[in-house]
């Protein structure tokens, strides 16, 4: 069965001086959150942006995918701390998301650093948000095992 999620946006005014809000409609977990063009291209100043929301989605999705891969390896994580840094830049074709860089620090008992890094890369490829991003977007992951509690 497909999972359907819904979010809404409301915008008033033109692109440069206008403003809007975004809200999670399915869960009501957030919103309305303010958004402006300046919050996308300059300082956030307490407002979010579509790119920040993509970063949040990518970090959460990746954490789940990596956790699953580690569990299937027989080394479920005690904790994963994931950050996604999405870069929005003006290129020849116009404004685009050009990259999403993931960093992960994990406390994973019973795993060696090499296997941790290998599974981190596999999770990047298997994360549905990674897959949803265009082929033109550079995806990367930097994985750090924070505590070795034994090796396999």
Protein backbone atom coordinates (compact mmCIF):
# COMPACT_ATOMS: atom_id res chain seq x y z
CA UNK A 1 0.00 0.00 0.00
CA UNK A 2 1.40 3.39 -0.99
CA UNK A 3 1.98 6.01 1.69
CA UNK A 4 0.60 9.41 0.72
CA UNK A 5 1.86 12.54 2.46
CA UNK A 6 0.67 16.10 1.93
CA UNK A 7 2.20 19.50 2.56
CA UNK A 8 0.92 22.91 1.53
CA UNK A 9 2.41 26.28 0.72
CA UNK A 10 0.81 29.70 0.57
CA UNK A 11 2.56 32.62 -1.13
CA UNK A 12 1.69 36.32 -1.25
CA UNK A 13 3.35 38.90 -3.48
CA UNK A 14 6.12 38.69 -6.03
CA UNK A 15 9.20 36.49 -5.75
CA UNK A 16 11.67 39.01 -4.34
CA UNK A 17 9.49 40.91 -1.85
CA UNK A 18 6.76 38.34 -1.22
CA UNK A 19 6.52 35.77 1.52
CA UNK A 20 4.76 32.58 2.33
CA UNK A 21 4.34 29.65 4.64
CA UNK A 22 4.69 25.89 4.40
CA UNK A 23 2.87 23.33 6.53
CA UNK A 24 2.79 19.59 6.98
CA UNK A 25 -0.83 18.70 6.33
CA UNK A 26 -0.76 14.93 6.80
CA UNK A 27 0.89 14.90 10.22
CA UNK A 28 0.41 18.51 11.33
CA UNK A 29 3.93 18.09 12.74
CA UNK A 30 5.03 21.53 11.60
CA UNK A 31 3.71 24.74 10.24
CA UNK A 32 2.95 27.18 9.27
CA UNK A 33 6.66 27.93 8.79
CA UNK A 34 7.63 31.24 7.17
CA UNK A 35 9.53 31.20 3.86
CA UNK A 36 10.88 33.96 1.61
CA UNK A 37 13.19 34.25 -1.37
CA UNK A 38 15.79 35.87 0.90
CA UNK A 39 15.65 32.86 3.22
CA UNK A 40 16.62 30.73 0.21
CA UNK A 41 19.43 32.87 -1.18
CA UNK A 42 20.67 35.01 1.73
CA UNK A 43 20.30 34.67 5.50
CA UNK A 44 17.62 32.39 6.92
CA UNK A 45 16.74 34.99 9.60
CA UNK A 46 14.32 32.64 11.37
CA UNK A 47 12.63 31.46 8.19
CA UNK A 48 12.95 28.13 6.40
CA UNK A 49 13.38 27.33 2.73
CA UNK A 50 12.48 24.47 0.40
CA UNK A 51 16.17 23.50 0.44
CA UNK A 52 16.26 23.29 4.23
CA UNK A 53 13.21 21.05 4.09
CA UNK A 54 14.95 18.87 1.48
CA UNK A 55 17.98 18.70 3.80
CA UNK A 56 15.78 17.61 6.70
CA UNK A 57 14.11 14.97 4.54
CA UNK A 58 17.45 13.70 3.25
CA UNK A 59 18.97 13.48 6.76
CA UNK A 60 15.97 11.61 8.16
CA UNK A 61 15.68 9.26 5.18
CA UNK A 62 19.40 8.50 5.22
CA UNK A 63 19.38 7.81 8.98
CA UNK A 64 16.61 5.25 8.46
CA UNK A 65 18.30 3.62 5.46
CA UNK A 66 21.67 3.41 7.24
CA UNK A 67 20.07 2.06 10.42
CA UNK A 68 18.39 -0.65 8.35
CA UNK A 69 21.63 -1.59 6.59
CA UNK A 70 23.50 -1.78 9.88
CA UNK A 71 20.78 -3.95 11.44
CA UNK A 72 20.80 -6.30 8.44
CA UNK A 73 24.57 -6.56 8.96
CA UNK A 74 23.93 -7.76 12.51
CA UNK A 75 25.29 -4.52 13.98
CA UNK A 76 22.34 -2.28 14.80
CA UNK A 77 23.40 1.23 15.80
CA UNK A 78 23.11 2.58 19.32
CA UNK A 79 22.93 6.04 17.78
CA UNK A 80 23.36 7.78 14.42
CA UNK A 81 23.73 11.55 14.14
CA UNK A 82 23.13 12.65 10.55
CA UNK A 83 23.37 16.09 8.97
CA UNK A 84 22.54 16.98 5.38
CA UNK A 85 23.91 20.15 3.82
CA UNK A 86 21.99 21.11 0.69
CA UNK A 87 23.60 23.70 -1.57
CA UNK A 88 21.32 25.97 -3.62
CA UNK A 89 23.29 27.96 -6.19
CA UNK A 90 22.80 29.99 -9.32
CA UNK A 91 24.32 28.20 -12.28
CA UNK A 92 24.03 28.83 -16.01
CA UNK A 93 20.62 27.13 -16.13
CA UNK A 94 19.32 29.21 -13.18
CA UNK A 95 18.90 28.52 -9.48
CA UNK A 96 19.29 24.81 -8.67
CA UNK A 97 20.06 22.44 -5.84
CA UNK A 98 23.57 21.42 -6.84
CA UNK A 99 24.53 19.09 -4.00
CA UNK A 100 23.50 17.34 -0.83
CA UNK A 101 26.37 16.38 1.46
CA UNK A 102 25.60 13.94 4.24
CA UNK A 103 27.69 13.56 7.36
CA UNK A 104 27.06 10.77 9.81
CA UNK A 105 28.59 9.91 13.14
CA UNK A 106 27.62 6.56 14.54
CA UNK A 107 27.90 4.61 17.74
CA UNK A 108 27.70 1.06 16.41
CA UNK A 109 28.81 -1.79 18.66
CA UNK A 110 30.61 -4.68 17.00
CA UNK A 111 31.52 -3.07 13.67
CA UNK A 112 34.87 -2.09 12.17
CA UNK A 113 35.46 1.27 10.51
CA UNK A 114 35.79 -0.21 7.01
CA UNK A 115 32.42 -1.99 7.17
CA UNK A 116 30.82 1.11 8.70
CA UNK A 117 32.04 3.25 5.78
CA UNK A 118 30.97 0.64 3.20
CA UNK A 119 27.45 0.44 4.66
CA UNK A 120 27.29 4.25 4.89
CA UNK A 121 27.91 4.50 1.14
CA UNK A 122 25.35 1.78 0.40
CA UNK A 123 22.75 3.62 2.50
CA UNK A 124 23.35 6.80 0.47
CA UNK A 125 22.51 4.90 -2.71
CA UNK A 126 19.50 3.14 -1.14
CA UNK A 127 17.89 6.15 0.52
CA UNK A 128 14.68 7.04 -1.36
CA UNK A 129 15.34 10.78 -1.00
CA UNK A 130 18.79 10.30 -2.55
CA UNK A 131 17.04 8.52 -5.39
CA UNK A 132 14.47 11.30 -5.75
CA UNK A 133 17.19 13.89 -6.26
CA UNK A 134 18.22 14.42 -9.86
CA UNK A 135 21.27 12.77 -11.42
CA UNK A 136 22.67 16.30 -11.81
CA UNK A 137 23.01 16.69 -8.04
CA UNK A 138 26.26 15.67 -6.36
CA UNK A 139 25.58 13.34 -3.44
CA UNK A 140 28.24 12.54 -0.87
CA UNK A 141 28.57 10.98 2.55
CA UNK A 142 31.26 11.37 5.19
CA UNK A 143 30.98 8.64 7.82
CA UNK A 144 32.69 8.63 11.21
CA UNK A 145 32.45 5.75 13.63
CA UNK A 146 32.53 7.43 17.02
CA UNK A 147 33.21 4.43 19.19
CA UNK A 148 34.63 1.04 18.41
CA UNK A 149 33.17 -1.44 20.85
CA UNK A 150 34.66 -4.50 19.30
CA UNK A 151 35.15 -5.73 15.79
CA UNK A 152 33.52 -8.41 13.75
